Amino acid sequence: MAHFLIQAAYTTEAVKAMVHNPQDRTAALQAPVEKLGGRLHHMFLSFGDYDAVAIIEMPDSVAAAAIALAISSGGACKSVKTTPLLTQAEAIDAAKKAASSGYRSIVSSAKAAS
């Protein structure tokens, strides 16, 4: 299964609701992630542009998109960002494939011509 980073920025109304009624929102994310065949690894409150982050494992990008759409459509978040994550082994495999892909950048092509 593939790993994803979900980052969510709450609306002002959602922040007000959580200040008025503090609660752990882990279960609210865990159940739908599991229903889509995934697993919630961690969920955190964060500072900065996003208020909450989660590391999830999903069977594929369609399932990851589905949970992102579900979160976005709920109305509590003004922004939801989903980032695919690679394990170190996957990153090494990607680097090896990149090296053998035959791609030449315009910069290296210009250097070879001079």
Protein backbone atom coordinates (compact mmCIF):
# COMPACT_ATOMS: atom_id res chain seq x y z
CA MET A 1 0.00 0.00 0.00
CA ALA A 2 1.07 3.58 -0.62
CA HIS A 3 1.68 6.19 2.07
CA PHE A 4 0.30 9.73 1.95
CA LEU A 5 0.65 12.90 3.99
CA ILE A 6 -2.66 14.69 4.48
CA GLN A 7 -2.47 18.34 5.58
CA ALA A 8 -5.63 20.21 6.52
CA ALA A 9 -6.26 23.86 7.36
CA TYR A 10 -9.43 24.39 9.38
CA THR A 11 -11.97 27.11 8.73
CA THR A 12 -12.49 29.75 11.41
CA GLU A 13 -15.81 28.12 12.23
CA ALA A 14 -14.15 24.72 12.76
CA VAL A 15 -11.51 26.23 15.07
CA LYS A 16 -14.24 27.97 17.07
CA ALA A 17 -16.15 24.69 17.34
CA MET A 18 -13.05 22.84 18.59
CA VAL A 19 -12.23 25.55 21.13
CA HIS A 20 -15.85 25.42 22.34
CA ASN A 21 -15.88 21.59 22.40
CA PRO A 22 -12.31 20.18 22.39
CA GLN A 23 -12.15 16.67 20.99
CA ASP A 24 -9.82 14.09 19.51
CA ARG A 25 -10.67 13.91 15.78
CA THR A 26 -8.61 10.76 15.16
CA ALA A 27 -11.62 8.43 15.09
CA ALA A 28 -13.41 10.77 12.66
CA LEU A 29 -10.59 10.17 10.16
CA GLN A 30 -9.70 6.60 11.06
CA ALA A 31 -13.11 5.06 10.31
CA PRO A 32 -13.45 6.39 6.74
CA VAL A 33 -9.79 5.66 5.96
CA GLU A 34 -10.32 2.06 7.04
CA LYS A 35 -13.61 1.85 5.12
CA LEU A 36 -11.64 2.78 1.99
CA GLY A 37 -9.16 -0.03 2.69
CA GLY A 38 -6.47 2.10 4.32
CA ARG A 39 -4.79 2.61 7.65
CA LEU A 40 -4.28 5.76 9.71
CA HIS A 41 -0.73 5.72 11.10
CA HIS A 42 -0.61 9.05 12.93
CA MET A 43 -2.58 12.25 13.26
CA PHE A 44 -1.12 15.45 14.70
CA LEU A 45 -2.06 19.04 15.42
CA SER A 46 0.43 21.33 13.70
CA PHE A 47 1.42 24.98 13.57
CA GLY A 48 1.77 27.05 10.42
CA ASP A 49 -0.24 26.90 7.22
CA TYR A 50 -1.96 23.65 8.20
CA ASP A 51 -3.71 22.85 11.48
CA ALA A 52 -3.71 19.07 11.28
CA VAL A 53 -1.56 16.49 9.55
CA ALA A 54 -1.97 12.76 9.17
CA ILE A 55 0.10 9.93 7.77
CA ILE A 56 -2.13 7.38 6.10
CA GLU A 57 -1.61 4.23 4.07
CA MET A 58 -4.05 3.66 1.24
CA PRO A 59 -4.40 0.87 -1.34
CA ASP A 60 -3.98 3.29 -4.26
CA SER A 61 -4.16 6.93 -5.34
CA VAL A 62 -7.89 6.66 -6.07
CA ALA A 63 -8.58 5.74 -2.43
CA ALA A 64 -6.28 8.57 -1.29
CA ALA A 65 -8.17 11.00 -3.52
CA ALA A 66 -11.45 9.71 -2.12
CA ILE A 67 -10.48 10.46 1.48
CA ALA A 68 -9.14 13.88 0.48
CA LEU A 69 -12.42 14.65 -1.29
CA ALA A 70 -14.41 13.44 1.71
CA ILE A 71 -12.41 15.69 4.05
CA SER A 72 -12.69 18.65 1.69
CA SER A 73 -16.44 18.24 1.23
CA GLY A 74 -17.12 18.25 4.98
CA GLY A 75 -16.88 22.02 5.25
CA ALA A 76 -14.52 22.13 8.26
CA CYS A 77 -11.38 22.60 6.17
CA LYS A 78 -10.53 25.54 3.94
CA SER A 79 -7.60 23.65 2.44
CA VAL A 80 -6.61 19.99 2.16
CA LYS A 81 -3.30 18.93 0.65
CA THR A 82 -2.44 15.30 -0.15
CA THR A 83 1.19 14.36 -0.77
CA PRO A 84 2.32 10.89 -1.87
CA LEU A 85 5.18 9.59 0.27
CA LEU A 86 7.92 7.16 -0.76
CA THR A 87 9.82 4.82 1.53
CA GLN A 88 13.61 5.02 1.30
CA ALA A 89 13.63 1.83 -0.77
CA GLU A 90 11.07 3.31 -3.17
CA ALA A 91 13.09 6.54 -3.41
CA ILE A 92 16.22 4.56 -4.30
CA ASP A 93 14.29 2.61 -6.95
CA ALA A 94 12.95 5.89 -8.37
CA ALA A 95 16.45 7.38 -8.49
CA LYS A 96 17.76 4.29 -10.31
CA LYS A 97 14.92 4.48 -12.83
CA ALA A 98 15.55 8.21 -13.32
CA ALA A 99 19.24 7.55 -13.99
CA SER A 100 18.40 4.98 -16.67
CA SER A 101 15.46 6.85 -18.22
CA GLY A 102 17.51 8.58 -20.90
CA TYR A 103 16.09 12.00 -20.04
CA ARG A 104 18.39 14.91 -20.89
CA SER A 105 17.65 18.34 -19.51
CA ILE A 106 17.96 21.43 -21.64
CA VAL A 107 20.83 22.53 -19.39
CA SER A 108 22.90 19.40 -19.99
CA SER A 109 22.08 19.51 -23.71
CA ALA A 110 23.31 23.13 -23.91
CA LYS A 111 26.54 22.26 -22.05
CA ALA A 112 27.23 19.38 -24.43
CA ALA A 113 26.77 21.68 -27.44
CA SER A 114 29.27 24.30 -26.20
